[in-house]
Amino acid sequence: MGTIANSFFEDAKHKLRQASDELYRPEEDVVSYMVCQNAHIAIENYLKGYLTQNQVDLSDFESVDQMYGKCKEINRNFEQINLSGHACELNIDDSRYCNSNVSRCYELANNLDTFLRQQKIIA
């Protein structure tokens, strides 16, 4: 399970880095949809990594919210992370949503990364 979890964590870090690189380009060059999409994938993979690390079957979950709920059941410290406003998965094809919420999507992914590092779940 460790290698599978690490694979999820590494992919999440990579997607967060891609979102960051895109977000910090000159404003006229930023593709909001790409930031939002990469941030969403990062959040999803961080949660999958944590659940896999804790021997939880991922097939039981249909959404980020469900995975996040299970993470909070396993470790109450996850309540420190506020994933509310993370509706990217519901609006994944709606570029208007991403344009208006791009920094929020990135902030959520970055906060989750920081939390997992503070908890020494990832390095």
PDB file of N, CA and C in Angstrom:
ATOM      1  N   MET A   1       0.817  -1.198   0.000  1.00  0.00           N
ATOM      2  CA  MET A   1       0.000   0.000   0.000  1.00  0.00           C
ATOM      3  C   MET A   1       0.861   1.263   0.000  1.00  0.00           C
ATOM      4  N   GLY A   2       2.045   1.213   0.627  1.00  0.00           N
ATOM      5  CA  GLY A   2       2.902   2.384   0.722  1.00  0.00           C
ATOM      6  C   GLY A   2       3.283   2.961  -0.625  1.00  0.00           C
ATOM      7  N   THR A   3       3.641   2.094  -1.572  1.00  0.00           N
ATOM      8  CA  THR A   3       4.036   2.593  -2.893  1.00  0.00           C
ATOM      9  C   THR A   3       2.861   3.188  -3.648  1.00  0.00           C
ATOM     10  N   ILE A   4       1.695   2.621  -3.497  1.00  0.00           N
ATOM     11  CA  ILE A   4       0.512   3.174  -4.163  1.00  0.00           C
ATOM     12  C   ILE A   4       0.195   4.540  -3.571  1.00  0.00           C
ATOM     13  N   ALA A   5       0.233   4.637  -2.249  1.00  0.00           N
ATOM     14  CA  ALA A   5      -0.018   5.922  -1.589  1.00  0.00           C
ATOM     15  C   ALA A   5       1.017   6.946  -2.033  1.00  0.00           C
ATOM     16  N   ASN A   6       2.284   6.543  -2.067  1.00  0.00           N
ATOM     17  CA  ASN A   6       3.345   7.471  -2.491  1.00  0.00           C
ATOM     18  C   ASN A   6       3.141   7.934  -3.919  1.00  0.00           C
ATOM     19  N   SER A   7       2.649   7.054  -4.762  1.00  0.00           N
ATOM     20  CA  SER A   7       2.367   7.423  -6.150  1.00  0.00           C
ATOM     21  C   SER A   7       1.291   8.506  -6.212  1.00  0.00           C
ATOM     22  N   PHE A   8       0.249   8.354  -5.413  1.00  0.00           N
ATOM     23  CA  PHE A   8      -0.795   9.387  -5.345  1.00  0.00           C
ATOM     24  C   PHE A   8      -0.210  10.706  -4.837  1.00  0.00           C
ATOM     25  N   PHE A   9       0.608  10.627  -3.773  1.00  0.00           N
ATOM     26  CA  PHE A   9       1.197  11.841  -3.210  1.00  0.00           C
ATOM     27  C   PHE A   9       2.116  12.536  -4.217  1.00  0.00           C
ATOM     28  N   GLU A  10       2.929  11.765  -4.917  1.00  0.00           N
ATOM     29  CA  GLU A  10       3.844  12.358  -5.901  1.00  0.00           C
ATOM     30  C   GLU A  10       3.080  13.010  -7.049  1.00  0.00           C
ATOM     31  N   ASP A  11       2.032  12.353  -7.508  1.00  0.00           N
ATOM     32  CA  ASP A  11       1.220  12.939  -8.577  1.00  0.00           C
ATOM     33  C   ASP A  11       0.554  14.223  -8.091  1.00  0.00           C
ATOM     34  N   ALA A  12       0.092  14.215  -6.855  1.00  0.00           N
ATOM     35  CA  ALA A  12      -0.540  15.413  -6.285  1.00  0.00           C
ATOM     36  C   ALA A  12       0.451  16.566  -6.225  1.00  0.00           C
ATOM     37  N   LYS A  13       1.668  16.294  -5.766  1.00  0.00           N
ATOM     38  CA  LYS A  13       2.698  17.343  -5.697  1.00  0.00           C
ATOM     39  C   LYS A  13       2.989  17.901  -7.085  1.00  0.00           C
ATOM     40  N   HIS A  14       3.069  17.012  -8.060  1.00  0.00           N
ATOM     41  CA  HIS A  14       3.342  17.423  -9.440  1.00  0.00           C
ATOM     42  C   HIS A  14       2.223  18.323  -9.970  1.00  0.00           C
ATOM     43  N   LYS A  15       0.982  17.938  -9.739  1.00  0.00           N
ATOM     44  CA  LYS A  15      -0.162  18.733 -10.211  1.00  0.00           C
ATOM     45  C   LYS A  15      -0.234  20.079  -9.491  1.00  0.00           C
ATOM     46  N   LEU A  16       0.091  20.094  -8.200  1.00  0.00           N
ATOM     47  CA  LEU A  16       0.102  21.356  -7.459  1.00  0.00           C
ATOM     48  C   LEU A  16       1.181  22.281  -8.014  1.00  0.00           C
ATOM     49  N   ARG A  17       2.339  21.724  -8.329  1.00  0.00           N
ATOM     50  CA  ARG A  17       3.429  22.503  -8.928  1.00  0.00           C
ATOM     51  C   ARG A  17       3.001  23.066 -10.280  1.00  0.00           C
ATOM     52  N   GLN A  18       2.317  22.255 -11.087  1.00  0.00           N
ATOM     53  CA  GLN A  18       1.824  22.732 -12.383  1.00  0.00           C
ATOM     54  C   GLN A  18       0.816  23.863 -12.197  1.00  0.00           C
ATOM     55  N   ALA A  19      -0.069  23.720 -11.225  1.00  0.00           N
ATOM     56  CA  ALA A  19      -1.054  24.775 -10.950  1.00  0.00           C
ATOM     57  C   ALA A  19      -0.348  26.052 -10.524  1.00  0.00           C
ATOM     58  N   SER A  20       0.650  25.910  -9.675  1.00  0.00           N
ATOM     59  CA  SER A  20       1.410  27.067  -9.200  1.00  0.00           C
ATOM     60  C   SER A  20       2.137  27.753 -10.347  1.00  0.00           C
ATOM     61  N   ASP A  21       2.793  26.965 -11.182  1.00  0.00           N
ATOM     62  CA  ASP A  21       3.511  27.533 -12.332  1.00  0.00           C
ATOM     63  C   ASP A  21       2.561  28.311 -13.230  1.00  0.00           C
ATOM     64  N   GLU A  22       1.390  27.760 -13.456  1.00  0.00           N
ATOM     65  CA  GLU A  22       0.397  28.419 -14.313  1.00  0.00           C
ATOM     66  C   GLU A  22      -0.130  29.689 -13.646  1.00  0.00           C
ATOM     67  N   LEU A  23      -0.402  29.606 -12.359  1.00  0.00           N
ATOM     68  CA  LEU A  23      -0.980  30.736 -11.628  1.00  0.00           C
ATOM     69  C   LEU A  23      -0.039  31.933 -11.579  1.00  0.00           C
ATOM     70  N   TYR A  24       1.259  31.673 -11.531  1.00  0.00           N
ATOM     71  CA  TYR A  24       2.221  32.762 -11.385  1.00  0.00           C
ATOM     72  C   TYR A  24       2.825  33.233 -12.701  1.00  0.00           C
ATOM     73  N   ARG A  25       2.186  32.879 -13.784  1.00  0.00           N
ATOM     74  CA  ARG A  25       2.562  33.442 -15.084  1.00  0.00           C
ATOM     75  C   ARG A  25       1.981  34.852 -15.159  1.00  0.00           C
ATOM     76  N   PRO A  26       2.438  35.652 -16.117  1.00  0.00           N
ATOM     77  CA  PRO A  26       1.816  36.975 -16.286  1.00  0.00           C
ATOM     78  C   PRO A  26       0.303  36.819 -16.445  1.00  0.00           C
ATOM     79  N   GLU A  27      -0.443  37.728 -15.849  1.00  0.00           N
ATOM     80  CA  GLU A  27      -1.905  37.614 -15.774  1.00  0.00           C
ATOM     81  C   GLU A  27      -2.559  37.318 -17.118  1.00  0.00           C
ATOM     82  N   GLU A  28      -2.082  37.965 -18.156  1.00  0.00           N
ATOM     83  CA  GLU A  28      -2.703  37.769 -19.471  1.00  0.00           C
ATOM     84  C   GLU A  28      -2.426  36.384 -20.052  1.00  0.00           C
ATOM     85  N   ASP A  29      -1.433  35.680 -19.489  1.00  0.00           N
ATOM     86  CA  ASP A  29      -1.078  34.351 -19.988  1.00  0.00           C
ATOM     87  C   ASP A  29      -1.667  33.206 -19.158  1.00  0.00           C
ATOM     88  N   VAL A  30      -2.239  33.519 -18.003  1.00  0.00           N
ATOM     89  CA  VAL A  30      -2.760  32.474 -17.113  1.00  0.00           C
ATOM     90  C   VAL A  30      -3.993  31.821 -17.732  1.00  0.00           C
ATOM     91  N   VAL A  31      -3.986  30.502 -17.736  1.00  0.00           N
ATOM     92  CA  VAL A  31      -5.153  29.740 -18.179  1.00  0.00           C
ATOM     93  C   VAL A  31      -5.835  29.230 -16.906  1.00  0.00           C
ATOM     94  N   SER A  32      -6.867  29.948 -16.487  1.00  0.00           N
ATOM     95  CA  SER A  32      -7.546  29.658 -15.218  1.00  0.00           C
ATOM     96  C   SER A  32      -8.014  28.214 -15.134  1.00  0.00           C
ATOM     97  N   TYR A  33      -8.533  27.711 -16.225  1.00  0.00           N
ATOM     98  CA  TYR A  33      -9.041  26.343 -16.237  1.00  0.00           C
ATOM     99  C   TYR A  33      -7.937  25.353 -15.856  1.00  0.00           C
ATOM    100  N   MET A  34      -6.710  25.590 -16.349  1.00  0.00           N
ATOM    101  CA  MET A  34      -5.604  24.675 -16.052  1.00  0.00           C
ATOM    102  C   MET A  34      -5.227  24.726 -14.569  1.00  0.00           C
ATOM    103  N   VAL A  35      -5.249  25.916 -13.984  1.00  0.00           N
ATOM    104  CA  VAL A  35      -4.955  26.046 -12.553  1.00  0.00           C
ATOM    105  C   VAL A  35      -5.994  25.264 -11.761  1.00  0.00           C
ATOM    106  N   CYS A  36      -7.250  25.495 -12.075  1.00  0.00           N
ATOM    107  CA  CYS A  36      -8.362  24.852 -11.367  1.00  0.00           C
ATOM    108  C   CYS A  36      -8.305  23.328 -11.530  1.00  0.00           C
ATOM    109  N   GLN A  37      -8.114  22.874 -12.735  1.00  0.00           N
ATOM    110  CA  GLN A  37      -8.062  21.441 -13.035  1.00  0.00           C
ATOM    111  C   GLN A  37      -6.908  20.766 -12.290  1.00  0.00           C
ATOM    112  N   ASN A  38      -5.711  21.364 -12.361  1.00  0.00           N
ATOM    113  CA  ASN A  38      -4.554  20.770 -11.688  1.00  0.00           C
ATOM    114  C   ASN A  38      -4.716  20.797 -10.172  1.00  0.00           C
ATOM    115  N   ALA A  39      -5.291  21.866  -9.637  1.00  0.00           N
ATOM    116  CA  ALA A  39      -5.527  21.957  -8.195  1.00  0.00           C
ATOM    117  C   ALA A  39      -6.521  20.878  -7.758  1.00  0.00           C
ATOM    118  N   HIS A  40      -7.567  20.688  -8.535  1.00  0.00           N
ATOM    119  CA  HIS A  40      -8.560  19.655  -8.214  1.00  0.00           C
ATOM    120  C   HIS A  40      -7.918  18.267  -8.200  1.00  0.00           C
ATOM    121  N   ILE A  41      -7.119  17.972  -9.213  1.00  0.00           N
ATOM    122  CA  ILE A  41      -6.459  16.664  -9.283  1.00  0.00           C
ATOM    123  C   ILE A  41      -5.508  16.490  -8.102  1.00  0.00           C
ATOM    124  N   ALA A  42      -4.817  17.566  -7.721  1.00  0.00           N
ATOM    125  CA  ALA A  42      -3.913  17.499  -6.568  1.00  0.00           C
ATOM    126  C   ALA A  42      -4.689  17.155  -5.296  1.00  0.00           C
ATOM    127  N   ILE A  43      -5.790  17.847  -5.056  1.00  0.00           N
ATOM    128  CA  ILE A  43      -6.606  17.585  -3.861  1.00  0.00           C
ATOM    129  C   ILE A  43      -7.078  16.134  -3.854  1.00  0.00           C
ATOM    130  N   GLU A  44      -7.605  15.707  -4.974  1.00  0.00           N
ATOM    131  CA  GLU A  44      -8.113  14.337  -5.081  1.00  0.00           C
ATOM    132  C   GLU A  44      -7.011  13.317  -4.791  1.00  0.00           C
ATOM    133  N   ASN A  45      -5.827  13.532  -5.358  1.00  0.00           N
ATOM    134  CA  ASN A  45      -4.741  12.573  -5.160  1.00  0.00           C
ATOM    135  C   ASN A  45      -4.151  12.624  -3.755  1.00  0.00           C
ATOM    136  N   TYR A  46      -4.113  13.795  -3.131  1.00  0.00           N
ATOM    137  CA  TYR A  46      -3.671  13.851  -1.730  1.00  0.00           C
ATOM    138  C   TYR A  46      -4.611  13.026  -0.852  1.00  0.00           C
ATOM    139  N   LEU A  47      -5.906  13.180  -1.064  1.00  0.00           N
ATOM    140  CA  LEU A  47      -6.874  12.424  -0.268  1.00  0.00           C
ATOM    141  C   LEU A  47      -6.782  10.930  -0.565  1.00  0.00           C
ATOM    142  N   LYS A  48      -6.651  10.567  -1.836  1.00  0.00           N
ATOM    143  CA  LYS A  48      -6.508   9.152  -2.201  1.00  0.00           C
ATOM    144  C   LYS A  48      -5.250   8.560  -1.578  1.00  0.00           C
ATOM    145  N   GLY A  49      -4.165   9.316  -1.597  1.00  0.00           N
ATOM    146  CA  GLY A  49      -2.920   8.846  -0.993  1.00  0.00           C
ATOM    147  C   GLY A  49      -3.089   8.578   0.491  1.00  0.00           C
ATOM    148  N   TYR A  50      -3.729   9.511   1.185  1.00  0.00           N
ATOM    149  CA  TYR A  50      -3.936   9.346   2.623  1.00  0.00           C
ATOM    150  C   TYR A  50      -4.825   8.139   2.915  1.00  0.00           C
ATOM    151  N   LEU A  51      -5.897   8.010   2.178  1.00  0.00           N
ATOM    152  CA  LEU A  51      -6.808   6.883   2.402  1.00  0.00           C
ATOM    153  C   LEU A  51      -6.130   5.554   2.082  1.00  0.00           C
ATOM    154  N   THR A  52      -5.381   5.511   0.994  1.00  0.00           N
ATOM    155  CA  THR A  52      -4.661   4.290   0.622  1.00  0.00           C
ATOM    156  C   THR A  52      -3.646   3.926   1.700  1.00  0.00           C
ATOM    157  N   GLN A  53      -2.949   4.937   2.208  1.00  0.00           N
ATOM    158  CA  GLN A  53      -1.973   4.725   3.272  1.00  0.00           C
ATOM    159  C   GLN A  53      -2.641   4.113   4.509  1.00  0.00           C
ATOM    160  N   ASN A  54      -3.917   4.383   4.681  1.00  0.00           N
ATOM    161  CA  ASN A  54      -4.673   3.864   5.823  1.00  0.00           C
ATOM    162  C   ASN A  54      -5.547   2.668   5.452  1.00  0.00           C
ATOM    163  N   GLN A  55      -5.184   1.983   4.366  1.00  0.00           N
ATOM    164  CA  GLN A  55      -5.847   0.757   3.910  1.00  0.00           C
ATOM    165  C   GLN A  55      -7.345   0.914   3.691  1.00  0.00           C
ATOM    166  N   VAL A  56      -7.753   2.055   3.149  1.00  0.00           N
ATOM    167  CA  VAL A  56      -9.161   2.292   2.839  1.00  0.00           C
ATOM    168  C   VAL A  56      -9.380   2.008   1.357  1.00  0.00           C
ATOM    169  N   ASP A  57     -10.424   1.265   1.043  1.00  0.00           N
ATOM    170  CA  ASP A  57     -10.771   0.934  -0.340  1.00  0.00           C
ATOM    171  C   ASP A  57     -11.355   2.166  -1.029  1.00  0.00           C
ATOM    172  N   LEU A  58     -10.677   2.642  -2.060  1.00  0.00           N
ATOM    173  CA  LEU A  58     -11.094   3.864  -2.748  1.00  0.00           C
ATOM    174  C   LEU A  58     -12.366   3.693  -3.565  1.00  0.00           C
ATOM    175  N   SER A  59     -12.735   2.468  -3.875  1.00  0.00           N
ATOM    176  CA  SER A  59     -13.928   2.258  -4.705  1.00  0.00           C
ATOM    177  C   SER A  59     -15.217   2.634  -3.966  1.00  0.00           C
ATOM    178  N   ASP A  60     -15.107   2.870  -2.667  1.00  0.00           N
ATOM    179  CA  ASP A  60     -16.281   3.252  -1.878  1.00  0.00           C
ATOM    180  C   ASP A  60     -16.650   4.725  -2.030  1.00  0.00           C
ATOM    181  N   PHE A  61     -15.823   5.503  -2.740  1.00  0.00           N
ATOM    182  CA  PHE A  61     -16.015   6.951  -2.788  1.00  0.00           C
ATOM    183  C   PHE A  61     -16.293   7.443  -4.198  1.00  0.00           C
ATOM    184  N   GLU A  62     -17.266   8.331  -4.297  1.00  0.00           N
ATOM    185  CA  GLU A  62     -17.628   8.906  -5.590  1.00  0.00           C
ATOM    186  C   GLU A  62     -17.218  10.363  -5.713  1.00  0.00           C
ATOM    187  N   SER A  63     -16.790  10.975  -4.609  1.00  0.00           N
ATOM    188  CA  SER A  63     -16.472  12.399  -4.670  1.00  0.00           C
ATOM    189  C   SER A  63     -15.354  12.760  -3.703  1.00  0.00           C
ATOM    190  N   VAL A  64     -14.794  13.932  -3.926  1.00  0.00           N
ATOM    191  CA  VAL A  64     -13.787  14.478  -3.026  1.00  0.00           C
ATOM    192  C   VAL A  64     -14.393  14.672  -1.637  1.00  0.00           C
ATOM    193  N   ASP A  65     -15.624  15.150  -1.585  1.00  0.00           N
ATOM    194  CA  ASP A  65     -16.281  15.369  -0.292  1.00  0.00           C
ATOM    195  C   ASP A  65     -16.386  14.077   0.517  1.00  0.00           C
ATOM    196  N   GLN A  66     -16.702  12.975  -0.143  1.00  0.00           N
ATOM    197  CA  GLN A  66     -16.796  11.690   0.558  1.00  0.00           C
ATOM    198  C   GLN A  66     -15.422  11.249   1.066  1.00  0.00           C
ATOM    199  N   MET A  67     -14.396  11.414   0.233  1.00  0.00           N
ATOM    200  CA  MET A  67     -13.042  11.049   0.661  1.00  0.00           C
ATOM    201  C   MET A  67     -12.599  11.923   1.831  1.00  0.00           C
ATOM    202  N   TYR A  68     -12.880  13.213   1.733  1.00  0.00           N
ATOM    203  CA  TYR A  68     -12.524  14.148   2.798  1.00  0.00           C
ATOM    204  C   TYR A  68     -13.226  13.772   4.111  1.00  0.00           C
ATOM    205  N   GLY A  69     -14.487  13.398   4.025  1.00  0.00           N
ATOM    206  CA  GLY A  69     -15.223  12.961   5.210  1.00  0.00           C
ATOM    207  C   GLY A  69     -14.570  11.757   5.867  1.00  0.00           C
ATOM    208  N   LYS A  70     -14.126  10.805   5.066  1.00  0.00           N
ATOM    209  CA  LYS A  70     -13.462   9.613   5.606  1.00  0.00           C
ATOM    210  C   LYS A  70     -12.122   9.985   6.229  1.00  0.00           C
ATOM    211  N   CYS A  71     -11.396  10.904   5.599  1.00  0.00           N
ATOM    212  CA  CYS A  71     -10.121  11.359   6.166  1.00  0.00           C
ATOM    213  C   CYS A  71     -10.344  11.969   7.546  1.00  0.00           C
ATOM    214  N   LYS A  72     -11.429  12.736   7.702  1.00  0.00           N
ATOM    215  CA  LYS A  72     -11.745  13.340   9.002  1.00  0.00           C
ATOM    216  C   LYS A  72     -12.115  12.279  10.031  1.00  0.00           C
ATOM    217  N   GLU A  73     -12.748  11.191   9.588  1.00  0.00           N
ATOM    218  CA  GLU A  73     -13.068  10.093  10.506  1.00  0.00           C
ATOM    219  C   GLU A  73     -11.794   9.433  11.019  1.00  0.00           C
ATOM    220  N   ILE A  74     -10.826   9.269  10.126  1.00  0.00           N
ATOM    221  CA  ILE A  74      -9.567   8.615  10.480  1.00  0.00           C
ATOM    222  C   ILE A  74      -8.709   9.526  11.351  1.00  0.00           C
ATOM    223  N   ASN A  75      -8.666  10.793  10.993  1.00  0.00           N
ATOM    224  CA  ASN A  75      -7.782  11.748  11.671  1.00  0.00           C
ATOM    225  C   ASN A  75      -8.529  13.071  11.833  1.00  0.00           C
ATOM    226  N   ARG A  76      -8.979  13.346  13.031  1.00  0.00           N
ATOM    227  CA  ARG A  76      -9.758  14.565  13.311  1.00  0.00           C
ATOM    228  C   ARG A  76      -9.001  15.840  12.948  1.00  0.00           C
ATOM    229  N   ASN A  77      -7.680  15.775  12.845  1.00  0.00           N
ATOM    230  CA  ASN A  77      -6.902  16.959  12.474  1.00  0.00           C
ATOM    231  C   ASN A  77      -7.246  17.458  11.075  1.00  0.00           C
ATOM    232  N   PHE A  78      -7.830  16.599  10.255  1.00  0.00           N
ATOM    233  CA  PHE A  78      -8.249  17.028   8.916  1.00  0.00           C
ATOM    234  C   PHE A  78      -9.307  18.123   8.995  1.00  0.00           C
ATOM    235  N   GLU A  79      -9.964  18.238  10.136  1.00  0.00           N
ATOM    236  CA  GLU A  79     -10.963  19.292  10.297  1.00  0.00           C
ATOM    237  C   GLU A  79     -10.328  20.679  10.251  1.00  0.00           C
ATOM    238  N   GLN A  80      -9.004  20.747  10.436  1.00  0.00           N
ATOM    239  CA  GLN A  80      -8.280  22.019  10.333  1.00  0.00           C
ATOM    240  C   GLN A  80      -8.297  22.551   8.902  1.00  0.00           C
ATOM    241  N   ILE A  81      -8.482  21.660   7.951  1.00  0.00           N
ATOM    242  CA  ILE A  81      -8.502  22.036   6.540  1.00  0.00           C
ATOM    243  C   ILE A  81      -9.943  22.270   6.125  1.00  0.00           C
ATOM    244  N   ASN A  82     -10.190  23.414   5.557  1.00  0.00           N
ATOM    245  CA  ASN A  82     -11.537  23.751   5.102  1.00  0.00           C
ATOM    246  C   ASN A  82     -11.603  23.547   3.591  1.00  0.00           C
ATOM    247  N   LEU A  83     -12.240  22.483   3.165  1.00  0.00           N
ATOM    248  CA  LEU A  83     -12.383  22.226   1.733  1.00  0.00           C
ATOM    249  C   LEU A  83     -13.706  22.742   1.188  1.00  0.00           C
ATOM    250  N   SER A  84     -14.435  23.499   2.000  1.00  0.00           N
ATOM    251  CA  SER A  84     -15.691  24.042   1.483  1.00  0.00           C
ATOM    252  C   SER A  84     -15.382  25.041   0.377  1.00  0.00           C
ATOM    253  N   GLY A  85     -16.236  25.077  -0.587  1.00  0.00           N
ATOM    254  CA  GLY A  85     -15.984  25.920  -1.748  1.00  0.00           C
ATOM    255  C   GLY A  85     -15.262  25.162  -2.834  1.00  0.00           C
ATOM    256  N   HIS A  86     -14.927  23.906  -2.543  1.00  0.00           N
ATOM    257  CA  HIS A  86     -14.262  23.087  -3.549  1.00  0.00           C
ATOM    258  C   HIS A  86     -15.340  22.404  -4.382  1.00  0.00           C
ATOM    259  N   ALA A  87     -15.824  23.145  -5.347  1.00  0.00           N
ATOM    260  CA  ALA A  87     -16.866  22.593  -6.208  1.00  0.00           C
ATOM    261  C   ALA A  87     -16.320  22.351  -7.601  1.00  0.00           C
ATOM    262  N   CYS A  88     -15.009  22.339  -7.720  1.00  0.00           N
ATOM    263  CA  CYS A  88     -14.393  22.158  -9.040  1.00  0.00           C
ATOM    264  C   CYS A  88     -14.913  20.909  -9.736  1.00  0.00           C
ATOM    265  N   GLU A  89     -15.047  19.814  -8.963  1.00  0.00           N
ATOM    266  CA  GLU A  89     -15.456  18.573  -9.605  1.00  0.00           C
ATOM    267  C   GLU A  89     -16.873  18.665 -10.159  1.00  0.00           C
ATOM    268  N   LEU A  90     -17.696  19.496  -9.560  1.00  0.00           N
ATOM    269  CA  LEU A  90     -19.059  19.651 -10.045  1.00  0.00           C
ATOM    270  C   LEU A  90     -19.117  20.536 -11.284  1.00  0.00           C
ATOM    271  N   ASN A  91     -18.119  21.368 -11.437  1.00  0.00           N
ATOM    272  CA  ASN A  91     -18.115  22.347 -12.517  1.00  0.00           C
ATOM    273  C   ASN A  91     -16.905  22.163 -13.426  1.00  0.00           C
ATOM    274  N   ILE A  92     -16.410  20.953 -13.523  1.00  0.00           N
ATOM    275  CA  ILE A  92     -15.159  20.694 -14.206  1.00  0.00           C
ATOM    276  C   ILE A  92     -15.165  21.161 -15.664  1.00  0.00           C
ATOM    277  N   ASP A  93     -16.329  21.191 -16.297  1.00  0.00           N
ATOM    278  CA  ASP A  93     -16.404  21.636 -17.681  1.00  0.00           C
ATOM    279  C   ASP A  93     -16.868  23.082 -17.798  1.00  0.00           C
ATOM    280  N   ASP A  94     -17.053  23.722 -16.686  1.00  0.00           N
ATOM    281  CA  ASP A  94     -17.572  25.083 -16.694  1.00  0.00           C
ATOM    282  C   ASP A  94     -16.435  26.067 -16.469  1.00  0.00           C
ATOM    283  N   SER A  95     -15.896  26.619 -17.534  1.00  0.00           N
ATOM    284  CA  SER A  95     -14.753  27.519 -17.415  1.00  0.00           C
ATOM    285  C   SER A  95     -15.114  28.795 -16.672  1.00  0.00           C
ATOM    286  N   ARG A  96     -16.393  29.186 -16.665  1.00  0.00           N
ATOM    287  CA  ARG A  96     -16.794  30.372 -15.900  1.00  0.00           C
ATOM    288  C   ARG A  96     -16.536  30.162 -14.422  1.00  0.00           C
ATOM    289  N   TYR A  97     -16.816  28.948 -13.932  1.00  0.00           N
ATOM    290  CA  TYR A  97     -16.557  28.660 -12.522  1.00  0.00           C
ATOM    291  C   TYR A  97     -15.069  28.793 -12.230  1.00  0.00           C
ATOM    292  N   CYS A  98     -14.250  28.189 -13.055  1.00  0.00           N
ATOM    293  CA  CYS A  98     -12.806  28.226 -12.830  1.00  0.00           C
ATOM    294  C   CYS A  98     -12.271  29.650 -12.913  1.00  0.00           C
ATOM    295  N   ASN A  99     -12.774  30.443 -13.833  1.00  0.00           N
ATOM    296  CA  ASN A  99     -12.290  31.814 -13.963  1.00  0.00           C
ATOM    297  C   ASN A  99     -12.562  32.627 -12.712  1.00  0.00           C
ATOM    298  N   SER A 100     -13.695  32.416 -12.084  1.00  0.00           N
ATOM    299  CA  SER A 100     -14.042  33.221 -10.916  1.00  0.00           C
ATOM    300  C   SER A 100     -13.504  32.641  -9.610  1.00  0.00           C
ATOM    301  N   ASN A 101     -13.081  31.400  -9.600  1.00  0.00           N
ATOM    302  CA  ASN A 101     -12.642  30.749  -8.365  1.00  0.00           C
ATOM    303  C   ASN A 101     -11.242  30.167  -8.447  1.00  0.00           C
ATOM    304  N   VAL A 102     -10.451  30.611  -9.400  1.00  0.00           N
ATOM    305  CA  VAL A 102      -9.149  30.000  -9.651  1.00  0.00           C
ATOM    306  C   VAL A 102      -8.240  30.062  -8.428  1.00  0.00           C
ATOM    307  N   SER A 103      -8.157  31.195  -7.768  1.00  0.00           N
ATOM    308  CA  SER A 103      -7.249  31.283  -6.627  1.00  0.00           C
ATOM    309  C   SER A 103      -7.760  30.449  -5.456  1.00  0.00           C
ATOM    310  N   ARG A 104      -9.072  30.317  -5.305  1.00  0.00           N
ATOM    311  CA  ARG A 104      -9.638  29.494  -4.232  1.00  0.00           C
ATOM    312  C   ARG A 104      -9.290  28.024  -4.444  1.00  0.00           C
ATOM    313  N   CYS A 105      -9.405  27.547  -5.662  1.00  0.00           N
ATOM    314  CA  CYS A 105      -9.057  26.151  -5.963  1.00  0.00           C
ATOM    315  C   CYS A 105      -7.588  25.884  -5.624  1.00  0.00           C
ATOM    316  N   TYR A 106      -6.715  26.795  -6.052  1.00  0.00           N
ATOM    317  CA  TYR A 106      -5.289  26.627  -5.780  1.00  0.00           C
ATOM    318  C   TYR A 106      -5.018  26.685  -4.276  1.00  0.00           C
ATOM    319  N   GLU A 107      -5.633  27.631  -3.594  1.00  0.00           N
ATOM    320  CA  GLU A 107      -5.440  27.802  -2.151  1.00  0.00           C
ATOM    321  C   GLU A 107      -5.826  26.533  -1.390  1.00  0.00           C
ATOM    322  N   LEU A 108      -6.921  25.907  -1.774  1.00  0.00           N
ATOM    323  CA  LEU A 108      -7.355  24.670  -1.116  1.00  0.00           C
ATOM    324  C   LEU A 108      -6.314  23.566  -1.274  1.00  0.00           C
ATOM    325  N   ALA A 109      -5.814  23.398  -2.488  1.00  0.00           N
ATOM    326  CA  ALA A 109      -4.811  22.363  -2.744  1.00  0.00           C
ATOM    327  C   ALA A 109      -3.525  22.661  -1.978  1.00  0.00           C
ATOM    328  N   ASN A 110      -3.111  23.910  -1.980  1.00  0.00           N
ATOM    329  CA  ASN A 110      -1.887  24.297  -1.286  1.00  0.00           C
ATOM    330  C   ASN A 110      -2.032  24.119   0.226  1.00  0.00           C
ATOM    331  N   ASN A 111      -3.187  24.467   0.774  1.00  0.00           N
ATOM    332  CA  ASN A 111      -3.429  24.281   2.209  1.00  0.00           C
ATOM    333  C   ASN A 111      -3.401  22.803   2.595  1.00  0.00           C
ATOM    334  N   LEU A 112      -3.934  21.959   1.740  1.00  0.00           N
ATOM    335  CA  LEU A 112      -3.923  20.521   2.010  1.00  0.00           C
ATOM    336  C   LEU A 112      -2.489  19.993   1.982  1.00  0.00           C
ATOM    337  N   ASP A 113      -1.697  20.450   1.018  1.00  0.00           N
ATOM    338  CA  ASP A 113      -0.286  20.072   0.936  1.00  0.00           C
ATOM    339  C   ASP A 113       0.441  20.485   2.219  1.00  0.00           C
ATOM    340  N   THR A 114       0.250  21.718   2.645  1.00  0.00           N
ATOM    341  CA  THR A 114       0.896  22.229   3.858  1.00  0.00           C
ATOM    342  C   THR A 114       0.485  21.416   5.079  1.00  0.00           C
ATOM    343  N   PHE A 115      -0.797  21.124   5.189  1.00  0.00           N
ATOM    344  CA  PHE A 115      -1.306  20.330   6.309  1.00  0.00           C
ATOM    345  C   PHE A 115      -0.640  18.954   6.353  1.00  0.00           C
ATOM    346  N   LEU A 116      -0.580  18.269   5.213  1.00  0.00           N
ATOM    347  CA  LEU A 116       0.009  16.927   5.169  1.00  0.00           C
ATOM    348  C   LEU A 116       1.487  16.962   5.530  1.00  0.00           C
ATOM    349  N   ARG A 117       2.177  18.029   5.165  1.00  0.00           N
ATOM    350  CA  ARG A 117       3.590  18.181   5.545  1.00  0.00           C
ATOM    351  C   ARG A 117       3.717  18.422   7.052  1.00  0.00           C
ATOM    352  N   GLN A 118       2.871  19.272   7.598  1.00  0.00           N
ATOM    353  CA  GLN A 118       2.908  19.554   9.037  1.00  0.00           C
ATOM    354  C   GLN A 118       2.604  18.306   9.858  1.00  0.00           C
ATOM    355  N   GLN A 119       1.719  17.470   9.353  1.00  0.00           N
ATOM    356  CA  GLN A 119       1.361  16.224  10.032  1.00  0.00           C
ATOM    357  C   GLN A 119       2.392  15.120   9.775  1.00  0.00           C
ATOM    358  N   LYS A 120       3.409  15.441   8.967  1.00  0.00           N
ATOM    359  CA  LYS A 120       4.480  14.503   8.600  1.00  0.00           C
ATOM    360  C   LYS A 120       3.945  13.276   7.861  1.00  0.00           C
ATOM    361  N   ILE A 121       2.883  13.494   7.102  1.00  0.00           N
ATOM    362  CA  ILE A 121       2.307  12.438   6.279  1.00  0.00           C
ATOM    363  C   ILE A 121       3.058  12.375   4.956  1.00  0.00           C
ATOM    364  N   ILE A 122       3.475  13.548   4.468  1.00  0.00           N
ATOM    365  CA  ILE A 122       4.325  13.622   3.280  1.00  0.00           C
ATOM    366  C   ILE A 122       5.546  14.465   3.630  1.00  0.00           C
ATOM    367  N   ALA A 123       6.587  14.308   2.820  1.00  0.00           N
ATOM    368  CA  ALA A 123       7.819  15.093   3.049  1.00  0.00           C
ATOM    369  C   ALA A 123       7.953  16.173   2.007  1.00  0.00           C
TER     370      ALA A 123
END
